[in-house]
Amino acid sequence: MKPRFDGWITACVAHYKCQRYVHRAVASLLSQTYPWIRVIVINDGDPCPPWRELGSIRDPRLVRFSLPKNGGCFFCWEVARRATHDPFFMMQDADDWAAPNRAEALLESLLSKKSDLAVSAQPQFCERSDGTPYQTSVRWNQMVQEETNKPFVVQRALSEEFRYRAPHHGLIRTSALREIGGYYGGFRIGWDTLLTNLVLMVGSISWTPEQLYFRLVRPDSLTHSVHTGAQSEYAAGVSRCLRMIYQECFAHYQTYRRMQINRAQLSDRIQSICGRHLSADDKAALNLQSGKLRGAMG
């Protein structure tokens, strides 16, 4: 059953050196069975913006926007989040693509289960030497109520341990993003792991076993690069910071669970904690660029 119309979705694609893939990503969003979706492509300081690759797309729902310098995908998504008035937000990497019913199925899950974030199973792909993708696995194809050491399983339970409990590539209420302080906390990597934990503190996550988001694993991506990948010194430092942020937020979540503070107070404390790593330049740039994007969106 199709979900009732409940508002526009903003989908944001952050582009940096993904010319080979960006058309596929954007086309998969504009061809969704749920038609009330606007797609913002943000060129993240790439000196070769993807406008030629997207030149054949004449859809008025597509918004093109360029940042003057590279800020990272989380920075881009936060610029879009601040610029939009739409009630729902969906993020997508420029080298990934979506099933045609991704938005529709996630919206139905979110509305029917009254959740704040709806996610799905995610097939993983690599590329052959000729550039054709082949599937290697399916992640997030199970949800459990309790904690588990099994990787890439959606977990609803929270504990003092900082874990990767759910994917962030889903459909989220923009109000929930506001409650946790947004999509950017001053880090280029890892914020997605924290973000889904914070959503579980202030609200809930729903899940569907449908394979709706197709992820391409590339050796030169931020997640796998020698400079920013899981084994890098930078990633280790970010991980320590995120663990400390999580533990501090979790202490306030426990206070909330004991009904000593309300949800609004929990949200205020999470926002304060998560905003500490934002520099004055970060804050100024987010305000400036989101204002410019809002103007471009009309």
C-alpha atoms as a PDB file:
ATOM      1  CA  MET A   1       0.000   0.000   0.000  1.00  0.00           C
ATOM      2  CA  LYS A   2       1.334   3.382  -0.974  1.00  0.00           C
ATOM      3  CA  PRO A   3       1.850   5.882   1.856  1.00  0.00           C
ATOM      4  CA  ARG A   4      -0.435   8.863   2.074  1.00  0.00           C
ATOM      5  CA  PHE A   5       1.048  12.108   0.864  1.00  0.00           C
ATOM      6  CA  ASP A   6       2.760  13.612   3.866  1.00  0.00           C
ATOM      7  CA  GLY A   7       5.151  16.198   2.477  1.00  0.00           C
ATOM      8  CA  TRP A   8       8.170  16.713   0.307  1.00  0.00           C
ATOM      9  CA  ILE A   9      11.450  14.854   0.711  1.00  0.00           C
ATOM     10  CA  THR A  10      14.787  16.589   0.241  1.00  0.00           C
ATOM     11  CA  ALA A  11      17.434  14.183  -1.027  1.00  0.00           C
ATOM     12  CA  CYS A  12      21.023  15.412  -1.035  1.00  0.00           C
ATOM     13  CA  VAL A  13      23.957  14.062  -3.045  1.00  0.00           C
ATOM     14  CA  ALA A  14      27.395  15.360  -2.067  1.00  0.00           C
ATOM     15  CA  HIS A  15      29.767  15.223  -5.039  1.00  0.00           C
ATOM     16  CA  TYR A  16      33.555  15.104  -4.997  1.00  0.00           C
ATOM     17  CA  LYS A  17      35.484  13.298  -7.740  1.00  0.00           C
ATOM     18  CA  CYS A  18      32.563  11.033  -8.594  1.00  0.00           C
ATOM     19  CA  GLN A  19      32.005  12.099 -12.202  1.00  0.00           C
ATOM     20  CA  ARG A  20      31.736   8.463 -13.352  1.00  0.00           C
ATOM     21  CA  TYR A  21      28.867   7.710 -10.986  1.00  0.00           C
ATOM     22  CA  VAL A  22      26.926  10.856 -10.195  1.00  0.00           C
ATOM     23  CA  HIS A  23      24.427  10.638 -13.074  1.00  0.00           C
ATOM     24  CA  ARG A  24      23.366   7.161 -11.967  1.00  0.00           C
ATOM     25  CA  ALA A  25      22.929   8.368  -8.379  1.00  0.00           C
ATOM     26  CA  VAL A  26      20.847  11.407  -9.310  1.00  0.00           C
ATOM     27  CA  ALA A  27      18.758   9.597 -11.935  1.00  0.00           C
ATOM     28  CA  SER A  28      17.874   6.887  -9.422  1.00  0.00           C
ATOM     29  CA  LEU A  29      16.491   9.538  -7.059  1.00  0.00           C
ATOM     30  CA  LEU A  30      14.558  11.490  -9.675  1.00  0.00           C
ATOM     31  CA  SER A  31      12.915   8.283 -10.952  1.00  0.00           C
ATOM     32  CA  GLN A  32      11.479   7.345  -7.556  1.00  0.00           C
ATOM     33  CA  THR A  33       7.894   6.070  -7.412  1.00  0.00           C
ATOM     34  CA  TYR A  34       7.290   8.733  -4.748  1.00  0.00           C
ATOM     35  CA  PRO A  35       7.213  11.903  -6.892  1.00  0.00           C
ATOM     36  CA  TRP A  36       7.404  14.636  -4.230  1.00  0.00           C
ATOM     37  CA  ILE A  37      11.157  14.586  -3.921  1.00  0.00           C
ATOM     38  CA  ARG A  38      13.649  17.353  -4.644  1.00  0.00           C
ATOM     39  CA  VAL A  39      17.260  16.391  -5.282  1.00  0.00           C
ATOM     40  CA  ILE A  40      20.066  18.740  -4.259  1.00  0.00           C
ATOM     41  CA  VAL A  41      23.471  17.993  -5.765  1.00  0.00           C
ATOM     42  CA  ILE A  42      26.221  19.829  -3.917  1.00  0.00           C
ATOM     43  CA  ASN A  43      29.567  20.055  -5.631  1.00  0.00           C
ATOM     44  CA  ASP A  44      31.898  19.815  -2.648  1.00  0.00           C
ATOM     45  CA  GLY A  45      34.712  22.043  -3.860  1.00  0.00           C
ATOM     46  CA  ASP A  46      35.610  19.774  -6.777  1.00  0.00           C
ATOM     47  CA  PRO A  47      37.356  21.929  -9.437  1.00  0.00           C
ATOM     48  CA  CYS A  48      35.593  19.761 -12.039  1.00  0.00           C
ATOM     49  CA  PRO A  49      31.922  20.045 -11.024  1.00  0.00           C
ATOM     50  CA  PRO A  50      29.480  17.400 -12.294  1.00  0.00           C
ATOM     51  CA  TRP A  51      27.242  19.769 -14.220  1.00  0.00           C
ATOM     52  CA  ARG A  52      28.308  18.384 -17.612  1.00  0.00           C
ATOM     53  CA  GLU A  53      27.481  14.844 -16.434  1.00  0.00           C
ATOM     54  CA  LEU A  54      24.080  16.062 -15.268  1.00  0.00           C
ATOM     55  CA  GLY A  55      23.487  18.308 -18.276  1.00  0.00           C
ATOM     56  CA  SER A  56      20.940  15.976 -19.863  1.00  0.00           C
ATOM     57  CA  ILE A  57      18.651  16.150 -16.810  1.00  0.00           C
ATOM     58  CA  ARG A  58      16.009  18.835 -17.188  1.00  0.00           C
ATOM     59  CA  ASP A  59      13.889  17.899 -14.187  1.00  0.00           C
ATOM     60  CA  PRO A  60      12.863  21.055 -12.234  1.00  0.00           C
ATOM     61  CA  ARG A  61      13.187  19.110  -8.969  1.00  0.00           C
ATOM     62  CA  LEU A  62      16.981  19.017  -9.416  1.00  0.00           C
ATOM     63  CA  VAL A  63      18.915  21.772  -7.618  1.00  0.00           C
ATOM     64  CA  ARG A  64      22.605  22.335  -8.464  1.00  0.00           C
ATOM     65  CA  PHE A  65      24.825  24.046  -5.904  1.00  0.00           C
ATOM     66  CA  SER A  66      28.594  24.498  -5.487  1.00  0.00           C
ATOM     67  CA  LEU A  67      30.675  25.035  -2.353  1.00  0.00           C
ATOM     68  CA  PRO A  68      33.839  27.135  -2.693  1.00  0.00           C
ATOM     69  CA  LYS A  69      35.984  24.525  -0.925  1.00  0.00           C
ATOM     70  CA  ASN A  70      35.822  20.886   0.100  1.00  0.00           C
ATOM     71  CA  GLY A  71      34.083  20.347   3.426  1.00  0.00           C
ATOM     72  CA  GLY A  72      33.196  16.659   3.270  1.00  0.00           C
ATOM     73  CA  CYS A  73      29.874  14.900   2.766  1.00  0.00           C
ATOM     74  CA  PHE A  74      28.601  15.540   6.315  1.00  0.00           C
ATOM     75  CA  PHE A  75      29.190  19.266   5.855  1.00  0.00           C
ATOM     76  CA  CYS A  76      27.271  19.145   2.546  1.00  0.00           C
ATOM     77  CA  TRP A  77      24.329  17.274   4.055  1.00  0.00           C
ATOM     78  CA  GLU A  78      24.164  19.745   6.927  1.00  0.00           C
ATOM     79  CA  VAL A  79      24.119  22.684   4.490  1.00  0.00           C
ATOM     80  CA  ALA A  80      21.165  21.037   2.719  1.00  0.00           C
ATOM     81  CA  ARG A  81      19.450  20.170   5.987  1.00  0.00           C
ATOM     82  CA  ARG A  82      19.601  23.787   7.144  1.00  0.00           C
ATOM     83  CA  ALA A  83      18.434  25.096   3.779  1.00  0.00           C
ATOM     84  CA  THR A  84      15.343  22.927   3.342  1.00  0.00           C
ATOM     85  CA  HIS A  85      11.880  23.372   4.820  1.00  0.00           C
ATOM     86  CA  ASP A  86      10.824  19.864   3.803  1.00  0.00           C
ATOM     87  CA  PRO A  87       9.751  17.516   6.619  1.00  0.00           C
ATOM     88  CA  PHE A  88      11.858  14.577   5.433  1.00  0.00           C
ATOM     89  CA  PHE A  89      15.510  14.282   4.507  1.00  0.00           C
ATOM     90  CA  MET A  90      17.314  11.556   2.582  1.00  0.00           C
ATOM     91  CA  MET A  91      21.048  11.370   1.973  1.00  0.00           C
ATOM     92  CA  GLN A  92      22.884   9.485  -0.753  1.00  0.00           C
ATOM     93  CA  ASP A  93      26.523   9.118  -1.719  1.00  0.00           C
ATOM     94  CA  ALA A  94      27.388  10.144  -5.271  1.00  0.00           C
ATOM     95  CA  ASP A  95      28.712   6.690  -6.172  1.00  0.00           C
ATOM     96  CA  ASP A  96      25.700   4.767  -4.818  1.00  0.00           C
ATOM     97  CA  TRP A  97      22.223   4.324  -6.254  1.00  0.00           C
ATOM     98  CA  ALA A  98      18.668   3.745  -5.043  1.00  0.00           C
ATOM     99  CA  ALA A  99      15.936   1.242  -5.829  1.00  0.00           C
ATOM    100  CA  PRO A 100      12.974   2.943  -7.575  1.00  0.00           C
ATOM    101  CA  ASN A 101      10.738   2.474  -4.520  1.00  0.00           C
ATOM    102  CA  ARG A 102      13.312   3.498  -1.917  1.00  0.00           C
ATOM    103  CA  ALA A 103      11.627   6.746  -0.873  1.00  0.00           C
ATOM    104  CA  GLU A 104       8.134   5.261  -0.976  1.00  0.00           C
ATOM    105  CA  ALA A 105       9.009   2.175   1.069  1.00  0.00           C
ATOM    106  CA  LEU A 106      11.009   4.110   3.656  1.00  0.00           C
ATOM    107  CA  LEU A 107       8.282   6.724   4.031  1.00  0.00           C
ATOM    108  CA  GLU A 108       5.693   3.998   4.562  1.00  0.00           C
ATOM    109  CA  SER A 109       7.940   2.413   7.206  1.00  0.00           C
ATOM    110  CA  LEU A 110       8.558   5.735   8.944  1.00  0.00           C
ATOM    111  CA  LEU A 111       4.895   6.793   8.982  1.00  0.00           C
ATOM    112  CA  SER A 112       3.352   3.438   9.864  1.00  0.00           C
ATOM    113  CA  LYS A 113       5.808   2.783  12.701  1.00  0.00           C
ATOM    114  CA  LYS A 114       5.968   6.428  13.803  1.00  0.00           C
ATOM    115  CA  SER A 115       9.763   6.319  13.725  1.00  0.00           C
ATOM    116  CA  ASP A 116      12.270   9.119  13.273  1.00  0.00           C
ATOM    117  CA  LEU A 117      14.604   7.285  10.885  1.00  0.00           C
ATOM    118  CA  ALA A 118      13.699   4.489   8.466  1.00  0.00           C
ATOM    119  CA  VAL A 119      16.462   2.268   7.041  1.00  0.00           C
ATOM    120  CA  SER A 120      16.705  -0.825   4.862  1.00  0.00           C
ATOM    121  CA  ALA A 121      18.951  -3.680   3.820  1.00  0.00           C
ATOM    122  CA  GLN A 122      21.916  -2.546   1.707  1.00  0.00           C
ATOM    123  CA  PRO A 123      23.574  -4.715  -0.960  1.00  0.00           C
ATOM    124  CA  GLN A 124      27.307  -3.983  -1.310  1.00  0.00           C
ATOM    125  CA  PHE A 125      29.063  -3.862  -4.689  1.00  0.00           C
ATOM    126  CA  CYS A 126      32.603  -3.752  -6.018  1.00  0.00           C
ATOM    127  CA  GLU A 127      33.727  -3.061  -9.595  1.00  0.00           C
ATOM    128  CA  ARG A 128      35.281  -5.384 -12.136  1.00  0.00           C
ATOM    129  CA  SER A 129      38.201  -4.166 -14.230  1.00  0.00           C
ATOM    130  CA  ASP A 130      35.769  -3.010 -16.928  1.00  0.00           C
ATOM    131  CA  GLY A 131      33.834  -0.912 -14.413  1.00  0.00           C
ATOM    132  CA  THR A 132      30.757  -3.120 -14.125  1.00  0.00           C
ATOM    133  CA  PRO A 133      29.520  -3.598 -10.538  1.00  0.00           C
ATOM    134  CA  TYR A 134      29.099  -7.000  -8.922  1.00  0.00           C
ATOM    135  CA  GLN A 135      27.440  -7.746  -5.611  1.00  0.00           C
ATOM    136  CA  THR A 136      29.621  -8.951  -2.743  1.00  0.00           C
ATOM    137  CA  SER A 137      27.274  -9.024   0.251  1.00  0.00           C
ATOM    138  CA  VAL A 138      24.144  -7.583   1.851  1.00  0.00           C
ATOM    139  CA  ARG A 139      24.480  -5.515   5.009  1.00  0.00           C
ATOM    140  CA  TRP A 140      21.822  -4.432   7.482  1.00  0.00           C
ATOM    141  CA  ASN A 141      19.533  -7.322   6.461  1.00  0.00           C
ATOM    142  CA  GLN A 142      18.452  -8.029  10.037  1.00  0.00           C
ATOM    143  CA  MET A 143      17.128  -6.084  13.023  1.00  0.00           C
ATOM    144  CA  VAL A 144      17.381  -7.211  16.665  1.00  0.00           C
ATOM    145  CA  GLN A 145      16.024  -5.768  19.899  1.00  0.00           C
ATOM    146  CA  GLU A 146      19.147  -6.521  21.911  1.00  0.00           C
ATOM    147  CA  GLU A 147      22.846  -5.846  21.392  1.00  0.00           C
ATOM    148  CA  THR A 148      24.908  -8.197  19.260  1.00  0.00           C
ATOM    149  CA  ASN A 149      28.548  -8.493  18.270  1.00  0.00           C
ATOM    150  CA  LYS A 150      27.515  -9.490  14.768  1.00  0.00           C
ATOM    151  CA  PRO A 151      28.449  -6.610  12.411  1.00  0.00           C
ATOM    152  CA  PHE A 152      25.973  -4.697  10.245  1.00  0.00           C
ATOM    153  CA  VAL A 153      22.853  -5.741  12.140  1.00  0.00           C
ATOM    154  CA  VAL A 154      20.350  -3.019  13.049  1.00  0.00           C
ATOM    155  CA  GLN A 155      20.165  -2.814  16.848  1.00  0.00           C
ATOM    156  CA  ARG A 156      17.489  -0.992  18.811  1.00  0.00           C
ATOM    157  CA  ALA A 157      19.112  -1.383  22.244  1.00  0.00           C
ATOM    158  CA  LEU A 158      21.514   1.213  23.624  1.00  0.00           C
ATOM    159  CA  SER A 159      24.227   0.652  26.205  1.00  0.00           C
ATOM    160  CA  GLU A 160      27.344   2.422  27.476  1.00  0.00           C
ATOM    161  CA  GLU A 161      29.327   0.872  24.618  1.00  0.00           C
ATOM    162  CA  PHE A 162      29.616   2.941  21.451  1.00  0.00           C
ATOM    163  CA  ARG A 163      28.611   0.680  18.549  1.00  0.00           C
ATOM    164  CA  TYR A 164      27.695   0.924  14.882  1.00  0.00           C
ATOM    165  CA  ARG A 165      24.009   0.166  15.480  1.00  0.00           C
ATOM    166  CA  ALA A 166      22.324   1.199  12.230  1.00  0.00           C
ATOM    167  CA  PRO A 167      23.076   2.710   8.835  1.00  0.00           C
ATOM    168  CA  HIS A 168      22.395   6.390   8.280  1.00  0.00           C
ATOM    169  CA  HIS A 169      21.502   6.057   4.582  1.00  0.00           C
ATOM    170  CA  GLY A 170      17.764   6.153   5.055  1.00  0.00           C
ATOM    171  CA  LEU A 171      14.871   8.568   5.397  1.00  0.00           C
ATOM    172  CA  ILE A 172      14.919  10.809   8.473  1.00  0.00           C
ATOM    173  CA  ARG A 173      12.599  13.455   9.809  1.00  0.00           C
ATOM    174  CA  THR A 174      14.280  16.847   9.564  1.00  0.00           C
ATOM    175  CA  SER A 175      12.872  17.579  13.021  1.00  0.00           C
ATOM    176  CA  ALA A 176      14.886  14.643  14.399  1.00  0.00           C
ATOM    177  CA  LEU A 177      18.035  15.981  12.752  1.00  0.00           C
ATOM    178  CA  ARG A 178      17.425  19.327  14.440  1.00  0.00           C
ATOM    179  CA  GLU A 179      16.994  17.605  17.792  1.00  0.00           C
ATOM    180  CA  ILE A 180      20.465  16.039  17.647  1.00  0.00           C
ATOM    181  CA  GLY A 181      22.226  19.109  16.248  1.00  0.00           C
ATOM    182  CA  GLY A 182      22.329  18.190  12.576  1.00  0.00           C
ATOM    183  CA  TYR A 183      24.589  16.237  10.280  1.00  0.00           C
ATOM    184  CA  TYR A 184      27.964  17.850  10.886  1.00  0.00           C
ATOM    185  CA  GLY A 185      29.989  17.901  14.060  1.00  0.00           C
ATOM    186  CA  GLY A 186      33.366  19.002  12.743  1.00  0.00           C
ATOM    187  CA  PHE A 187      34.530  15.579  11.509  1.00  0.00           C
ATOM    188  CA  ARG A 188      34.902  14.293   7.949  1.00  0.00           C
ATOM    189  CA  ILE A 189      34.338  10.646   8.864  1.00  0.00           C
ATOM    190  CA  GLY A 190      32.504   8.597  11.467  1.00  0.00           C
ATOM    191  CA  TRP A 191      29.664  10.996  12.277  1.00  0.00           C
ATOM    192  CA  ASP A 192      27.121   8.623  10.720  1.00  0.00           C
ATOM    193  CA  THR A 193      27.918   6.003  13.375  1.00  0.00           C
ATOM    194  CA  LEU A 194      27.244   8.527  16.135  1.00  0.00           C
ATOM    195  CA  LEU A 195      24.200  10.029  14.421  1.00  0.00           C
ATOM    196  CA  THR A 196      22.127   6.844  14.428  1.00  0.00           C
ATOM    197  CA  ASN A 197      22.932   6.285  18.111  1.00  0.00           C
ATOM    198  CA  LEU A 198      21.733   9.802  18.888  1.00  0.00           C
ATOM    199  CA  VAL A 199      18.503   9.198  16.957  1.00  0.00           C
ATOM    200  CA  LEU A 200      17.906   6.156  19.184  1.00  0.00           C
ATOM    201  CA  MET A 201      18.344   8.390  22.234  1.00  0.00           C
ATOM    202  CA  VAL A 202      15.720  10.943  21.222  1.00  0.00           C
ATOM    203  CA  GLY A 203      13.439   8.712  19.148  1.00  0.00           C
ATOM    204  CA  SER A 204      13.309   5.446  17.233  1.00  0.00           C
ATOM    205  CA  ILE A 205      14.489   3.676  14.085  1.00  0.00           C
ATOM    206  CA  SER A 206      12.345   1.466  11.864  1.00  0.00           C
ATOM    207  CA  TRP A 207      13.705  -1.077   9.397  1.00  0.00           C
ATOM    208  CA  THR A 208      12.594  -2.913   6.300  1.00  0.00           C
ATOM    209  CA  PRO A 209      14.279  -6.026   4.842  1.00  0.00           C
ATOM    210  CA  GLU A 210      13.782  -4.675   1.328  1.00  0.00           C
ATOM    211  CA  GLN A 211      17.055  -4.001  -0.493  1.00  0.00           C
ATOM    212  CA  LEU A 212      16.594  -0.326  -1.269  1.00  0.00           C
ATOM    213  CA  TYR A 213      20.079   1.227  -1.184  1.00  0.00           C
ATOM    214  CA  PHE A 214      22.959  -0.064  -3.316  1.00  0.00           C
ATOM    215  CA  ARG A 215      26.413   0.833  -2.043  1.00  0.00           C
ATOM    216  CA  LEU A 216      29.571   0.806  -4.137  1.00  0.00           C
ATOM    217  CA  VAL A 217      32.752   0.040  -2.182  1.00  0.00           C
ATOM    218  CA  ARG A 218      35.720   1.871  -3.700  1.00  0.00           C
ATOM    219  CA  PRO A 219      39.338   1.692  -2.474  1.00  0.00           C
ATOM    220  CA  ASP A 220      39.793   5.452  -2.925  1.00  0.00           C
ATOM    221  CA  SER A 221      36.720   6.479  -0.909  1.00  0.00           C
ATOM    222  CA  LEU A 222      37.028   8.236   2.453  1.00  0.00           C
ATOM    223  CA  THR A 223      36.080   5.028   4.249  1.00  0.00           C
ATOM    224  CA  HIS A 224      38.844   2.994   2.610  1.00  0.00           C
ATOM    225  CA  SER A 225      41.549   5.567   1.864  1.00  0.00           C
ATOM    226  CA  VAL A 226      44.965   5.153   3.530  1.00  0.00           C
ATOM    227  CA  HIS A 227      44.599   8.688   4.905  1.00  0.00           C
ATOM    228  CA  THR A 228      41.067   8.506   6.330  1.00  0.00           C
ATOM    229  CA  GLY A 229      40.188   4.784   6.305  1.00  0.00           C
ATOM    230  CA  ALA A 230      39.576   2.581   9.335  1.00  0.00           C
ATOM    231  CA  GLN A 231      43.289   1.833   9.853  1.00  0.00           C
ATOM    232  CA  SER A 232      44.484   5.435   9.545  1.00  0.00           C
ATOM    233  CA  GLU A 233      45.737   7.623  12.383  1.00  0.00           C
ATOM    234  CA  TYR A 234      43.078  10.214  11.559  1.00  0.00           C
ATOM    235  CA  ALA A 235      40.292   7.617  11.888  1.00  0.00           C
ATOM    236  CA  ALA A 236      41.673   6.450  15.243  1.00  0.00           C
ATOM    237  CA  GLY A 237      41.637  10.009  16.577  1.00  0.00           C
ATOM    238  CA  VAL A 238      38.095  10.653  15.337  1.00  0.00           C
ATOM    239  CA  SER A 239      36.937   7.362  16.845  1.00  0.00           C
ATOM    240  CA  ARG A 240      38.250   8.372  20.272  1.00  0.00           C
ATOM    241  CA  CYS A 241      36.456  11.723  20.075  1.00  0.00           C
ATOM    242  CA  LEU A 242      33.178  10.172  18.957  1.00  0.00           C
ATOM    243  CA  ARG A 243      33.332   7.580  21.721  1.00  0.00           C
ATOM    244  CA  MET A 244      33.733  10.354  24.309  1.00  0.00           C
ATOM    245  CA  ILE A 245      30.843  12.322  22.786  1.00  0.00           C
ATOM    246  CA  TYR A 246      28.652   9.228  22.816  1.00  0.00           C
ATOM    247  CA  GLN A 247      29.404   8.378  26.426  1.00  0.00           C
ATOM    248  CA  GLU A 248      28.618  11.912  27.573  1.00  0.00           C
ATOM    249  CA  CYS A 249      25.357  11.945  25.616  1.00  0.00           C
ATOM    250  CA  PHE A 250      24.496   8.471  26.903  1.00  0.00           C
ATOM    251  CA  ALA A 251      24.833   9.674  30.504  1.00  0.00           C
ATOM    252  CA  HIS A 252      22.168  12.314  29.780  1.00  0.00           C
ATOM    253  CA  TYR A 253      20.067   9.669  27.991  1.00  0.00           C
ATOM    254  CA  GLN A 254      20.100   7.585  31.176  1.00  0.00           C
ATOM    255  CA  THR A 255      18.893  10.651  33.093  1.00  0.00           C
ATOM    256  CA  TYR A 256      16.116  10.996  30.514  1.00  0.00           C
ATOM    257  CA  ARG A 257      15.184   7.325  30.908  1.00  0.00           C
ATOM    258  CA  ARG A 258      14.864   7.891  34.659  1.00  0.00           C
ATOM    259  CA  MET A 259      12.434  10.717  33.763  1.00  0.00           C
ATOM    260  CA  GLN A 260      14.622  13.311  35.474  1.00  0.00           C
ATOM    261  CA  ILE A 261      14.731  15.390  32.278  1.00  0.00           C
ATOM    262  CA  ASN A 262      12.340  15.556  29.317  1.00  0.00           C
ATOM    263  CA  ARG A 263      13.027  14.964  25.618  1.00  0.00           C
ATOM    264  CA  ALA A 264      13.528  18.670  24.892  1.00  0.00           C
ATOM    265  CA  GLN A 265      16.123  18.929  27.668  1.00  0.00           C
ATOM    266  CA  LEU A 266      17.878  15.798  26.397  1.00  0.00           C
ATOM    267  CA  SER A 267      17.935  17.316  22.915  1.00  0.00           C
ATOM    268  CA  ASP A 268      19.428  20.571  24.215  1.00  0.00           C
ATOM    269  CA  ARG A 269      22.200  18.701  26.007  1.00  0.00           C
ATOM    270  CA  ILE A 270      23.010  16.530  22.989  1.00  0.00           C
ATOM    271  CA  GLN A 271      23.177  19.593  20.747  1.00  0.00           C
ATOM    272  CA  SER A 272      25.500  21.354  23.179  1.00  0.00           C
ATOM    273  CA  ILE A 273      27.844  18.365  23.415  1.00  0.00           C
ATOM    274  CA  CYS A 274      27.901  17.698  19.669  1.00  0.00           C
ATOM    275  CA  GLY A 275      28.538  21.345  18.836  1.00  0.00           C
ATOM    276  CA  ARG A 276      31.786  21.603  20.782  1.00  0.00           C
ATOM    277  CA  HIS A 277      33.953  20.467  17.872  1.00  0.00           C
ATOM    278  CA  LEU A 278      32.474  23.006  15.451  1.00  0.00           C
ATOM    279  CA  SER A 279      34.889  25.875  14.946  1.00  0.00           C
ATOM    280  CA  ALA A 280      33.769  29.463  14.500  1.00  0.00           C
ATOM    281  CA  ASP A 281      34.717  29.145  10.823  1.00  0.00           C
ATOM    282  CA  ASP A 282      32.585  25.987  10.514  1.00  0.00           C
ATOM    283  CA  LYS A 283      29.570  27.747  11.997  1.00  0.00           C
ATOM    284  CA  ALA A 284      29.996  30.797   9.778  1.00  0.00           C
ATOM    285  CA  ALA A 285      30.425  28.678   6.641  1.00  0.00           C
ATOM    286  CA  LEU A 286      27.357  26.550   7.430  1.00  0.00           C
ATOM    287  CA  ASN A 287      25.220  29.647   7.949  1.00  0.00           C
ATOM    288  CA  LEU A 288      26.532  31.348   4.812  1.00  0.00           C
ATOM    289  CA  GLN A 289      26.255  28.385   2.464  1.00  0.00           C
ATOM    290  CA  SER A 290      22.865  27.199   3.728  1.00  0.00           C
ATOM    291  CA  GLY A 291      21.541  30.712   3.220  1.00  0.00           C
ATOM    292  CA  LYS A 292      22.846  30.760  -0.347  1.00  0.00           C
ATOM    293  CA  LEU A 293      21.369  27.330  -1.061  1.00  0.00           C
ATOM    294  CA  ARG A 294      18.014  28.382   0.372  1.00  0.00           C
ATOM    295  CA  GLY A 295      18.037  31.294  -2.053  1.00  0.00           C
ATOM    296  CA  ALA A 296      18.907  28.998  -4.961  1.00  0.00           C
ATOM    297  CA  MET A 297      16.022  26.694  -4.040  1.00  0.00           C
ATOM    298  CA  GLY A 298      13.600  29.601  -4.341  1.00  0.00           C
END
